[in-house]
PDB file of all heavy atoms in Angstrom:
ATOM      1  N   PRO A   1       0.771  -1.189   0.008  1.00  0.00           N
ATOM      2  CA  PRO A   1       0.035  -0.023  -0.014  1.00  0.00           C
ATOM      3  C   PRO A   1       0.843   1.233   0.023  1.00  0.00           C
ATOM      4  O   PRO A   1       0.494   2.260  -0.630  1.00  0.00           O
ATOM      5  CB  PRO A   1      -0.812  -0.128   1.312  1.00  0.00           C
ATOM      6  CG  PRO A   1      -0.899  -1.592   1.588  1.00  0.00           C
ATOM      7  CD  PRO A   1       0.494  -2.118   1.112  1.00  0.00           C
ATOM      8  N   GLN A   2       1.982   1.254   0.675  1.00  0.00           N
ATOM      9  CA  GLN A   2       2.818   2.403   0.717  1.00  0.00           C
ATOM     10  C   GLN A   2       3.401   2.704  -0.635  1.00  0.00           C
ATOM     11  O   GLN A   2       3.358   3.855  -1.096  1.00  0.00           O
ATOM     12  CB  GLN A   2       4.008   2.258   1.715  1.00  0.00           C
ATOM     13  CG  GLN A   2       3.604   2.272   3.225  1.00  0.00           C
ATOM     14  CD  GLN A   2       4.766   2.039   4.065  1.00  0.00           C
ATOM     15  OE1 GLN A   2       5.608   1.106   3.841  1.00  0.00           O
ATOM     16  NE2 GLN A   2       4.960   2.876   5.079  1.00  0.00           N
ATOM     17  N   LEU A   3       3.857   1.666  -1.277  1.00  0.00           N
ATOM     18  CA  LEU A   3       4.540   1.908  -2.598  1.00  0.00           C
ATOM     19  C   LEU A   3       3.434   2.241  -3.598  1.00  0.00           C
ATOM     20  O   LEU A   3       3.665   3.212  -4.458  1.00  0.00           O
ATOM     21  CB  LEU A   3       5.269   0.586  -2.999  1.00  0.00           C
ATOM     22  CG  LEU A   3       6.034   0.727  -4.343  1.00  0.00           C
ATOM     23  CD1 LEU A   3       7.008   1.910  -4.339  1.00  0.00           C
ATOM     24  CD2 LEU A   3       6.807  -0.623  -4.556  1.00  0.00           C
ATOM     25  N   GLU A   4       2.299   1.641  -3.567  1.00  0.00           N
ATOM     26  CA  GLU A   4       1.228   1.944  -4.476  1.00  0.00           C
ATOM     27  C   GLU A   4       0.757   3.421  -4.250  1.00  0.00           C
ATOM     28  O   GLU A   4       0.513   4.127  -5.188  1.00  0.00           O
ATOM     29  CB  GLU A   4       0.025   0.982  -4.405  1.00  0.00           C
ATOM     30  CG  GLU A   4       0.380  -0.381  -4.979  1.00  0.00           C
ATOM     31  CD  GLU A   4      -0.709  -1.395  -4.725  1.00  0.00           C
ATOM     32  OE1 GLU A   4      -1.684  -1.150  -4.026  1.00  0.00           O
ATOM     33  OE2 GLU A   4      -0.513  -2.563  -5.197  1.00  0.00           O
ATOM     34  N   GLY A   5       0.687   3.776  -2.972  1.00  0.00           N
ATOM     35  CA  GLY A   5       0.316   5.154  -2.668  1.00  0.00           C
ATOM     36  C   GLY A   5       1.321   6.177  -3.204  1.00  0.00           C
ATOM     37  O   GLY A   5       0.911   7.181  -3.698  1.00  0.00           O
ATOM     38  N   LEU A   6       2.595   5.805  -3.047  1.00  0.00           N
ATOM     39  CA  LEU A   6       3.673   6.734  -3.549  1.00  0.00           C
ATOM     40  C   LEU A   6       3.555   6.814  -5.071  1.00  0.00           C
ATOM     41  O   LEU A   6       3.677   7.917  -5.632  1.00  0.00           O
ATOM     42  CB  LEU A   6       5.017   6.186  -3.190  1.00  0.00           C
ATOM     43  CG  LEU A   6       6.237   6.945  -3.604  1.00  0.00           C
ATOM     44  CD1 LEU A   6       6.183   8.399  -3.050  1.00  0.00           C
ATOM     45  CD2 LEU A   6       7.527   6.290  -3.179  1.00  0.00           C
ATOM     46  N   CYS A   7       3.292   5.718  -5.726  1.00  0.00           N
ATOM     47  CA  CYS A   7       3.152   5.724  -7.218  1.00  0.00           C
ATOM     48  C   CYS A   7       1.955   6.589  -7.642  1.00  0.00           C
ATOM     49  O   CYS A   7       2.070   7.309  -8.611  1.00  0.00           O
ATOM     50  CB  CYS A   7       2.919   4.278  -7.762  1.00  0.00           C
ATOM     51  SG  CYS A   7       4.445   3.267  -7.610  1.00  0.00           S
ATOM     52  N   CYS A   8       0.852   6.398  -6.933  1.00  0.00           N
ATOM     53  CA  CYS A   8      -0.312   7.257  -7.189  1.00  0.00           C
ATOM     54  C   CYS A   8      -0.052   8.731  -6.964  1.00  0.00           C
ATOM     55  O   CYS A   8      -0.431   9.614  -7.769  1.00  0.00           O
ATOM     56  CB  CYS A   8      -1.538   6.808  -6.390  1.00  0.00           C
ATOM     57  SG  CYS A   8      -2.140   5.257  -6.901  1.00  0.00           S
ATOM     58  N   PHE A   9       0.682   9.012  -5.926  1.00  0.00           N
ATOM     59  CA  PHE A   9       0.981  10.413  -5.572  1.00  0.00           C
ATOM     60  C   PHE A   9       1.856  11.031  -6.648  1.00  0.00           C
ATOM     61  O   PHE A   9       1.625  12.178  -7.081  1.00  0.00           O
ATOM     62  CB  PHE A   9       1.724  10.506  -4.227  1.00  0.00           C
ATOM     63  CG  PHE A   9       2.233  11.877  -3.891  1.00  0.00           C
ATOM     64  CD1 PHE A   9       1.326  12.803  -3.435  1.00  0.00           C
ATOM     65  CD2 PHE A   9       3.576  12.196  -3.996  1.00  0.00           C
ATOM     66  CE1 PHE A   9       1.831  14.148  -3.153  1.00  0.00           C
ATOM     67  CE2 PHE A   9       4.042  13.458  -3.689  1.00  0.00           C
ATOM     68  CZ  PHE A   9       3.118  14.428  -3.244  1.00  0.00           C
ATOM     69  N   LEU A  10       2.805  10.251  -7.190  1.00  0.00           N
ATOM     70  CA  LEU A  10       3.666  10.710  -8.241  1.00  0.00           C
ATOM     71  C   LEU A  10       3.056  10.571  -9.628  1.00  0.00           C
ATOM     72  O   LEU A  10       3.610  11.061 -10.600  1.00  0.00           O
ATOM     73  CB  LEU A  10       5.031   9.895  -8.212  1.00  0.00           C
ATOM     74  CG  LEU A  10       5.896  10.056  -7.023  1.00  0.00           C
ATOM     75  CD1 LEU A  10       7.051   9.084  -7.078  1.00  0.00           C
ATOM     76  CD2 LEU A  10       6.351  11.449  -6.879  1.00  0.00           C
ATOM     77  N   GLN A  11       1.787  10.003  -9.664  1.00  0.00           N
ATOM     78  CA  GLN A  11       1.041   9.821 -10.936  1.00  0.00           C
ATOM     79  C   GLN A  11       1.924   9.103 -12.000  1.00  0.00           C
ATOM     80  O   GLN A  11       1.939   9.498 -13.164  1.00  0.00           O
ATOM     81  CB  GLN A  11       0.522  11.210 -11.446  1.00  0.00           C
ATOM     82  CG  GLN A  11      -0.374  11.917 -10.466  1.00  0.00           C
ATOM     83  CD  GLN A  11      -0.862  13.214 -11.009  1.00  0.00           C
ATOM     84  OE1 GLN A  11      -0.268  13.845 -11.845  1.00  0.00           O
ATOM     85  NE2 GLN A  11      -1.991  13.659 -10.467  1.00  0.00           N
ATOM     86  N   LEU A  12       2.542   8.044 -11.543  1.00  0.00           N
ATOM     87  CA  LEU A  12       3.445   7.325 -12.434  1.00  0.00           C
ATOM     88  C   LEU A  12       2.751   6.636 -13.612  1.00  0.00           C
ATOM     89  O   LEU A  12       3.303   6.510 -14.645  1.00  0.00           O
ATOM     90  CB  LEU A  12       4.284   6.329 -11.709  1.00  0.00           C
ATOM     91  CG  LEU A  12       5.296   6.905 -10.700  1.00  0.00           C
ATOM     92  CD1 LEU A  12       6.010   5.768  -9.935  1.00  0.00           C
ATOM     93  CD2 LEU A  12       6.246   7.835 -11.322  1.00  0.00           C
ATOM     94  N   SER A  13       1.519   6.203 -13.389  1.00  0.00           N
ATOM     95  CA  SER A  13       0.819   5.503 -14.472  1.00  0.00           C
ATOM     96  C   SER A  13       0.415   6.357 -15.617  1.00  0.00           C
ATOM     97  O   SER A  13       0.119   5.869 -16.701  1.00  0.00           O
ATOM     98  CB  SER A  13      -0.388   4.723 -13.907  1.00  0.00           C
ATOM     99  OG  SER A  13      -1.324   5.679 -13.417  1.00  0.00           O
ATOM    100  N   THR A  14       0.448   7.667 -15.391  1.00  0.00           N
ATOM    101  CA  THR A  14       0.030   8.621 -16.455  1.00  0.00           C
ATOM    102  C   THR A  14       1.076   9.714 -16.698  1.00  0.00           C
ATOM    103  O   THR A  14       0.844  10.624 -17.434  1.00  0.00           O
ATOM    104  CB  THR A  14      -1.294   9.316 -16.095  1.00  0.00           C
ATOM    105  OG1 THR A  14      -1.093   9.960 -14.861  1.00  0.00           O
ATOM    106  CG2 THR A  14      -2.417   8.343 -15.988  1.00  0.00           C
ATOM    107  N   CYS A  15       2.266   9.550 -16.150  1.00  0.00           N
ATOM    108  CA  CYS A  15       3.286  10.531 -16.320  1.00  0.00           C
ATOM    109  C   CYS A  15       3.671  10.539 -17.833  1.00  0.00           C
ATOM    110  O   CYS A  15       3.622   9.560 -18.547  1.00  0.00           O
ATOM    111  CB  CYS A  15       4.485  10.315 -15.408  1.00  0.00           C
ATOM    112  SG  CYS A  15       5.470   8.885 -15.862  1.00  0.00           S
ATOM    113  N   PRO A  16       4.198  11.684 -18.307  1.00  0.00           N
ATOM    114  CA  PRO A  16       4.734  11.768 -19.723  1.00  0.00           C
ATOM    115  C   PRO A  16       5.843  10.777 -19.925  1.00  0.00           C
ATOM    116  O   PRO A  16       6.612  10.524 -19.015  1.00  0.00           O
ATOM    117  CB  PRO A  16       5.223  13.216 -19.844  1.00  0.00           C
ATOM    118  CG  PRO A  16       4.569  13.983 -18.736  1.00  0.00           C
ATOM    119  CD  PRO A  16       4.376  12.971 -17.606  1.00  0.00           C
ATOM    120  N   GLU A  17       5.852  10.161 -21.098  1.00  0.00           N
ATOM    121  CA  GLU A  17       6.808   9.075 -21.435  1.00  0.00           C
ATOM    122  C   GLU A  17       8.311   9.520 -21.336  1.00  0.00           C
ATOM    123  O   GLU A  17       9.105   8.704 -20.830  1.00  0.00           O
ATOM    124  CB  GLU A  17       6.472   8.462 -22.770  1.00  0.00           C
ATOM    125  CG  GLU A  17       5.173   7.657 -22.697  1.00  0.00           C
ATOM    126  CD  GLU A  17       4.812   7.049 -23.956  1.00  0.00           C
ATOM    127  OE1 GLU A  17       5.495   7.231 -25.027  1.00  0.00           O
ATOM    128  OE2 GLU A  17       3.773   6.344 -24.002  1.00  0.00           O
ATOM    129  N   PRO A  18       8.678  10.745 -21.690  1.00  0.00           N
ATOM    130  CA  PRO A  18      10.091  11.141 -21.468  1.00  0.00           C
ATOM    131  C   PRO A  18      10.486  11.095 -20.014  1.00  0.00           C
ATOM    132  O   PRO A  18      11.541  10.598 -19.650  1.00  0.00           O
ATOM    133  CB  PRO A  18      10.138  12.610 -22.038  1.00  0.00           C
ATOM    134  CG  PRO A  18       9.040  12.610 -23.066  1.00  0.00           C
ATOM    135  CD  PRO A  18       7.979  11.744 -22.470  1.00  0.00           C
ATOM    136  N   PHE A  19       9.550  11.481 -19.109  1.00  0.00           N
ATOM    137  CA  PHE A  19       9.798  11.385 -17.685  1.00  0.00           C
ATOM    138  C   PHE A  19       9.875   9.957 -17.214  1.00  0.00           C
ATOM    139  O   PHE A  19      10.723   9.624 -16.433  1.00  0.00           O
ATOM    140  CB  PHE A  19       8.703  12.086 -16.897  1.00  0.00           C
ATOM    141  CG  PHE A  19       8.818  11.940 -15.411  1.00  0.00           C
ATOM    142  CD1 PHE A  19       9.697  12.662 -14.656  1.00  0.00           C
ATOM    143  CD2 PHE A  19       8.060  10.962 -14.663  1.00  0.00           C
ATOM    144  CE1 PHE A  19       9.842  12.471 -13.308  1.00  0.00           C
ATOM    145  CE2 PHE A  19       8.187  10.744 -13.378  1.00  0.00           C
ATOM    146  CZ  PHE A  19       9.084  11.496 -12.626  1.00  0.00           C
ATOM    147  N   LEU A  20       9.111   9.083 -17.849  1.00  0.00           N
ATOM    148  CA  LEU A  20       9.140   7.634 -17.527  1.00  0.00           C
ATOM    149  C   LEU A  20      10.513   7.051 -17.834  1.00  0.00           C
ATOM    150  O   LEU A  20      11.032   6.257 -16.998  1.00  0.00           O
ATOM    151  CB  LEU A  20       8.043   6.918 -18.350  1.00  0.00           C
ATOM    152  CG  LEU A  20       7.808   5.467 -18.059  1.00  0.00           C
ATOM    153  CD1 LEU A  20       7.337   5.229 -16.666  1.00  0.00           C
ATOM    154  CD2 LEU A  20       6.834   4.909 -19.075  1.00  0.00           C
ATOM    155  N   VAL A  21      11.118   7.488 -18.922  1.00  0.00           N
ATOM    156  CA  VAL A  21      12.472   6.985 -19.220  1.00  0.00           C
ATOM    157  C   VAL A  21      13.456   7.400 -18.174  1.00  0.00           C
ATOM    158  O   VAL A  21      14.257   6.629 -17.693  1.00  0.00           O
ATOM    159  CB  VAL A  21      12.902   7.540 -20.684  1.00  0.00           C
ATOM    160  CG1 VAL A  21      14.347   7.102 -20.926  1.00  0.00           C
ATOM    161  CG2 VAL A  21      12.010   6.936 -21.684  1.00  0.00           C
ATOM    162  N   ARG A  22      13.427   8.681 -17.817  1.00  0.00           N
ATOM    163  CA  ARG A  22      14.338   9.167 -16.766  1.00  0.00           C
ATOM    164  C   ARG A  22      14.036   8.527 -15.434  1.00  0.00           C
ATOM    165  O   ARG A  22      14.989   8.143 -14.703  1.00  0.00           O
ATOM    166  CB  ARG A  22      14.177  10.669 -16.607  1.00  0.00           C
ATOM    167  CG  ARG A  22      14.705  11.501 -17.740  1.00  0.00           C
ATOM    168  CD  ARG A  22      14.969  12.962 -17.393  1.00  0.00           C
ATOM    169  NE  ARG A  22      13.771  13.616 -16.862  1.00  0.00           N
ATOM    170  CZ  ARG A  22      12.873  14.236 -17.603  1.00  0.00           C
ATOM    171  NH1 ARG A  22      12.943  14.293 -18.927  1.00  0.00           N
ATOM    172  NH2 ARG A  22      11.814  14.794 -16.965  1.00  0.00           N
ATOM    173  N   PHE A  23      12.772   8.292 -15.041  1.00  0.00           N
ATOM    174  CA  PHE A  23      12.503   7.635 -13.814  1.00  0.00           C
ATOM    175  C   PHE A  23      13.021   6.181 -13.829  1.00  0.00           C
ATOM    176  O   PHE A  23      13.578   5.759 -12.821  1.00  0.00           O
ATOM    177  CB  PHE A  23      10.956   7.606 -13.670  1.00  0.00           C
ATOM    178  CG  PHE A  23      10.540   7.122 -12.273  1.00  0.00           C
ATOM    179  CD1 PHE A  23      10.661   7.888 -11.177  1.00  0.00           C
ATOM    180  CD2 PHE A  23      10.039   5.792 -12.111  1.00  0.00           C
ATOM    181  CE1 PHE A  23      10.283   7.417  -9.854  1.00  0.00           C
ATOM    182  CE2 PHE A  23       9.620   5.340 -10.927  1.00  0.00           C
ATOM    183  CZ  PHE A  23       9.760   6.105  -9.806  1.00  0.00           C
ATOM    184  N   CYS A  24      12.875   5.479 -14.922  1.00  0.00           N
ATOM    185  CA  CYS A  24      13.460   4.114 -14.990  1.00  0.00           C
ATOM    186  C   CYS A  24      14.906   4.129 -14.868  1.00  0.00           C
ATOM    187  O   CYS A  24      15.505   3.227 -14.214  1.00  0.00           O
ATOM    188  CB  CYS A  24      13.004   3.441 -16.277  1.00  0.00           C
ATOM    189  SG  CYS A  24      11.281   2.951 -16.254  1.00  0.00           S
ATOM    190  N   SER A  25      15.563   5.108 -15.457  1.00  0.00           N
ATOM    191  CA  SER A  25      17.081   5.234 -15.279  1.00  0.00           C
ATOM    192  C   SER A  25      17.438   5.405 -13.802  1.00  0.00           C
ATOM    193  O   SER A  25      18.396   4.822 -13.288  1.00  0.00           O
ATOM    194  CB  SER A  25      17.614   6.388 -16.087  1.00  0.00           C
ATOM    195  OG  SER A  25      17.415   6.193 -17.431  1.00  0.00           O
ATOM    196  N   TRP A  26      16.670   6.239 -13.114  1.00  0.00           N
ATOM    197  CA  TRP A  26      16.978   6.456 -11.681  1.00  0.00           C
ATOM    198  C   TRP A  26      16.711   5.133 -10.853  1.00  0.00           C
ATOM    199  O   TRP A  26      17.493   4.790  -9.992  1.00  0.00           O
ATOM    200  CB  TRP A  26      16.040   7.512 -11.123  1.00  0.00           C
ATOM    201  CG  TRP A  26      16.317   8.886 -11.622  1.00  0.00           C
ATOM    202  CD1 TRP A  26      17.544   9.378 -12.050  1.00  0.00           C
ATOM    203  CD2 TRP A  26      15.360   9.953 -11.830  1.00  0.00           C
ATOM    204  NE1 TRP A  26      17.432  10.687 -12.499  1.00  0.00           N
ATOM    205  CE2 TRP A  26      16.135  11.069 -12.294  1.00  0.00           C
ATOM    206  CE3 TRP A  26      14.067  10.087 -11.583  1.00  0.00           C
ATOM    207  CZ2 TRP A  26      15.549  12.286 -12.579  1.00  0.00           C
ATOM    208  CZ3 TRP A  26      13.374  11.330 -11.768  1.00  0.00           C
ATOM    209  CH2 TRP A  26      14.188  12.373 -12.406  1.00  0.00           C
ATOM    210  N   LEU A  27      15.623   4.414 -11.271  1.00  0.00           N
ATOM    211  CA  LEU A  27      15.333   3.157 -10.596  1.00  0.00           C
ATOM    212  C   LEU A  27      16.484   2.165 -10.755  1.00  0.00           C
ATOM    213  O   LEU A  27      16.874   1.477  -9.759  1.00  0.00           O
ATOM    214  CB  LEU A  27      14.089   2.475 -11.172  1.00  0.00           C
ATOM    215  CG  LEU A  27      12.700   3.088 -10.744  1.00  0.00           C
ATOM    216  CD1 LEU A  27      11.609   2.329 -11.467  1.00  0.00           C
ATOM    217  CD2 LEU A  27      12.504   2.981  -9.204  1.00  0.00           C
ATOM    218  N   LEU A  28      17.088   2.159 -11.912  1.00  0.00           N
ATOM    219  CA  LEU A  28      18.148   1.158 -12.194  1.00  0.00           C
ATOM    220  C   LEU A  28      19.382   1.463 -11.428  1.00  0.00           C
ATOM    221  O   LEU A  28      20.245   0.630 -11.157  1.00  0.00           O
ATOM    222  CB  LEU A  28      18.434   1.071 -13.673  1.00  0.00           C
ATOM    223  CG  LEU A  28      17.271   0.534 -14.582  1.00  0.00           C
ATOM    224  CD1 LEU A  28      17.676   0.414 -15.995  1.00  0.00           C
ATOM    225  CD2 LEU A  28      16.718  -0.793 -14.053  1.00  0.00           C
ATOM    226  N   ALA A  29      19.526   2.762 -11.099  1.00  0.00           N
ATOM    227  CA  ALA A  29      20.778   3.199 -10.387  1.00  0.00           C
ATOM    228  C   ALA A  29      20.617   3.027  -8.875  1.00  0.00           C
ATOM    229  O   ALA A  29      21.643   3.129  -8.113  1.00  0.00           O
ATOM    230  CB  ALA A  29      21.072   4.653 -10.697  1.00  0.00           C
ATOM    231  N   LEU A  30      19.458   2.726  -8.347  1.00  0.00           N
ATOM    232  CA  LEU A  30      19.277   2.561  -6.958  1.00  0.00           C
ATOM    233  C   LEU A  30      20.046   1.386  -6.397  1.00  0.00           C
ATOM    234  O   LEU A  30      20.222   0.379  -7.002  1.00  0.00           O
ATOM    235  CB  LEU A  30      17.769   2.317  -6.562  1.00  0.00           C
ATOM    236  CG  LEU A  30      16.822   3.492  -6.761  1.00  0.00           C
ATOM    237  CD1 LEU A  30      15.400   3.023  -6.531  1.00  0.00           C
ATOM    238  CD2 LEU A  30      17.208   4.643  -5.811  1.00  0.00           C
ATOM    239  N   THR A  31      20.608   1.539  -5.191  1.00  0.00           N
ATOM    240  CA  THR A  31      21.209   0.530  -4.475  1.00  0.00           C
ATOM    241  C   THR A  31      20.677   0.467  -3.027  1.00  0.00           C
ATOM    242  O   THR A  31      20.520   1.570  -2.425  1.00  0.00           O
ATOM    243  CB  THR A  31      22.778   0.709  -4.378  1.00  0.00           C
ATOM    244  OG1 THR A  31      23.070   1.993  -3.894  1.00  0.00           O
ATOM    245  CG2 THR A  31      23.388   0.497  -5.762  1.00  0.00           C
ATOM    246  N   PRO A  32      20.345  -0.635  -2.445  1.00  0.00           N
ATOM    247  CA  PRO A  32      20.350  -1.895  -3.143  1.00  0.00           C
ATOM    248  C   PRO A  32      19.268  -1.999  -4.174  1.00  0.00           C
ATOM    249  O   PRO A  32      18.377  -1.155  -4.253  1.00  0.00           O
ATOM    250  CB  PRO A  32      20.106  -2.952  -1.959  1.00  0.00           C
ATOM    251  CG  PRO A  32      19.347  -2.084  -1.009  1.00  0.00           C
ATOM    252  CD  PRO A  32      19.849  -0.727  -1.066  1.00  0.00           C
ATOM    253  N   ASP A  33      19.323  -3.083  -4.954  1.00  0.00           N
ATOM    254  CA  ASP A  33      18.234  -3.343  -5.954  1.00  0.00           C
ATOM    255  C   ASP A  33      16.894  -3.384  -5.284  1.00  0.00           C
ATOM    256  O   ASP A  33      16.727  -3.804  -4.126  1.00  0.00           O
ATOM    257  CB  ASP A  33      18.478  -4.658  -6.755  1.00  0.00           C
ATOM    258  CG  ASP A  33      19.749  -4.559  -7.634  1.00  0.00           C
ATOM    259  OD1 ASP A  33      20.282  -3.429  -7.847  1.00  0.00           O
ATOM    260  OD2 ASP A  33      20.115  -5.582  -8.203  1.00  0.00           O
ATOM    261  N   LEU A  34      15.886  -3.124  -6.078  1.00  0.00           N
ATOM    262  CA  LEU A  34      14.534  -3.271  -5.589  1.00  0.00           C
ATOM    263  C   LEU A  34      14.231  -4.729  -5.262  1.00  0.00           C
ATOM    264  O   LEU A  34      14.741  -5.657  -5.947  1.00  0.00           O
ATOM    265  CB  LEU A  34      13.532  -2.818  -6.683  1.00  0.00           C
ATOM    266  CG  LEU A  34      13.609  -1.333  -7.108  1.00  0.00           C
ATOM    267  CD1 LEU A  34      12.721  -1.129  -8.305  1.00  0.00           C
ATOM    268  CD2 LEU A  34      13.185  -0.512  -5.973  1.00  0.00           C
ATOM    269  N   SER A  35      13.364  -4.965  -4.293  1.00  0.00           N
ATOM    270  CA  SER A  35      12.909  -6.280  -3.981  1.00  0.00           C
ATOM    271  C   SER A  35      12.031  -6.769  -5.145  1.00  0.00           C
ATOM    272  O   SER A  35      11.521  -5.947  -5.933  1.00  0.00           O
ATOM    273  CB  SER A  35      12.119  -6.316  -2.683  1.00  0.00           C
ATOM    274  OG  SER A  35      10.914  -5.684  -2.828  1.00  0.00           O
ATOM    275  N   TYR A  36      11.811  -8.074  -5.226  1.00  0.00           N
ATOM    276  CA  TYR A  36      10.904  -8.620  -6.247  1.00  0.00           C
ATOM    277  C   TYR A  36       9.561  -7.979  -6.109  1.00  0.00           C
ATOM    278  O   TYR A  36       8.940  -7.535  -7.129  1.00  0.00           O
ATOM    279  CB  TYR A  36      10.857 -10.142  -6.096  1.00  0.00           C
ATOM    280  CG  TYR A  36       9.856 -10.803  -7.033  1.00  0.00           C
ATOM    281  CD1 TYR A  36      10.277 -11.294  -8.247  1.00  0.00           C
ATOM    282  CD2 TYR A  36       8.498 -10.864  -6.723  1.00  0.00           C
ATOM    283  CE1 TYR A  36       9.468 -11.888  -9.161  1.00  0.00           C
ATOM    284  CE2 TYR A  36       7.592 -11.471  -7.598  1.00  0.00           C
ATOM    285  CZ  TYR A  36       8.117 -11.953  -8.856  1.00  0.00           C
ATOM    286  OH  TYR A  36       7.234 -12.561  -9.703  1.00  0.00           O
ATOM    287  N   THR A  37       8.953  -7.858  -4.957  1.00  0.00           N
ATOM    288  CA  THR A  37       7.653  -7.360  -4.727  1.00  0.00           C
ATOM    289  C   THR A  37       7.614  -5.855  -5.148  1.00  0.00           C
ATOM    290  O   THR A  37       6.654  -5.472  -5.868  1.00  0.00           O
ATOM    291  CB  THR A  37       7.259  -7.456  -3.263  1.00  0.00           C
ATOM    292  OG1 THR A  37       7.346  -8.799  -2.846  1.00  0.00           O
ATOM    293  CG2 THR A  37       5.881  -6.936  -3.023  1.00  0.00           C
ATOM    294  N   SER A  38       8.625  -5.040  -4.834  1.00  0.00           N
ATOM    295  CA  SER A  38       8.628  -3.652  -5.175  1.00  0.00           C
ATOM    296  C   SER A  38       8.758  -3.530  -6.698  1.00  0.00           C
ATOM    297  O   SER A  38       8.008  -2.660  -7.272  1.00  0.00           O
ATOM    298  CB  SER A  38       9.760  -2.892  -4.538  1.00  0.00           C
ATOM    299  OG  SER A  38       9.621  -2.881  -3.144  1.00  0.00           O
TER     300      SER A  38
END
């Protein structure tokens, strides 16, 4: 629920696609890696 709430707050499901690319780049740079569930 926390992660889904954060995604809704950031409006990730409808964000512009160029932002989506940058967001995915940031995700890949995170350490440690995301859990399977996240």
